[in-house]
Amino acid sequence: MPLKPCFLSQILIDDQENQFVVFVTERDGLRRIPIVIGPMEAVAIDRAVKGQRFSRPLTHDLVVTLLESAKLSCKEVRITDLKEGTFFAKLVLDASGSEIAIDARPSDCLALAVRVKCPIYIDESVVGAYHVTSRTVRRAFLTGYDPRTGVDCSHRKEMLERRLETL
């Protein structure tokens, strides 16, 4: 499947609901892909996007320094697969003209990408899979129950209702 150029369009950090999501959006389209990530990775991405620097290197800053010291550069990030609700990615490095693709979590890849400003790509099959998932999630949020899968998502509906009430 072809790779679609995209960019990091939004970072959602909701400490109250303990939800951390990054949104990756197609450059030439309208589709947005939400990727749930851990709180540490969300903060690392958010701080890098805002250009915040610290007196001591954070983990992803250390990785950038290690890559530079080894004469490697980050060529691109590829979000390659979606299996059972988990996204998979590859960090593609340039080693003196040779390409090295390393399996990595999308959150770590994105944290590095925003630091070194390398391109982000997403496999078309992942975008297509998301849209199927998206309809299921919307149905579950709106009804509290997904009749297609038989999954009870009433807790998600209640969470959505609480959030709407605060608006």
Foldseek 3Di string as FASTA:
>chain_A
DDWFWWDFDDWDDDVVVQWTWIWIAGPPDGFIDIATDHPVLSVLLVCLLVVDDDPDDDPLSVVCVVCVVQVKDFAEKEFEDADPNATKIWGWIQDPNDIDTHTDGVSSSSSNCSNRVHIYIYDPVHSVVVVVVVVQVVVCLVPQARVVVRDRNVVNVVVVVVVVVVD
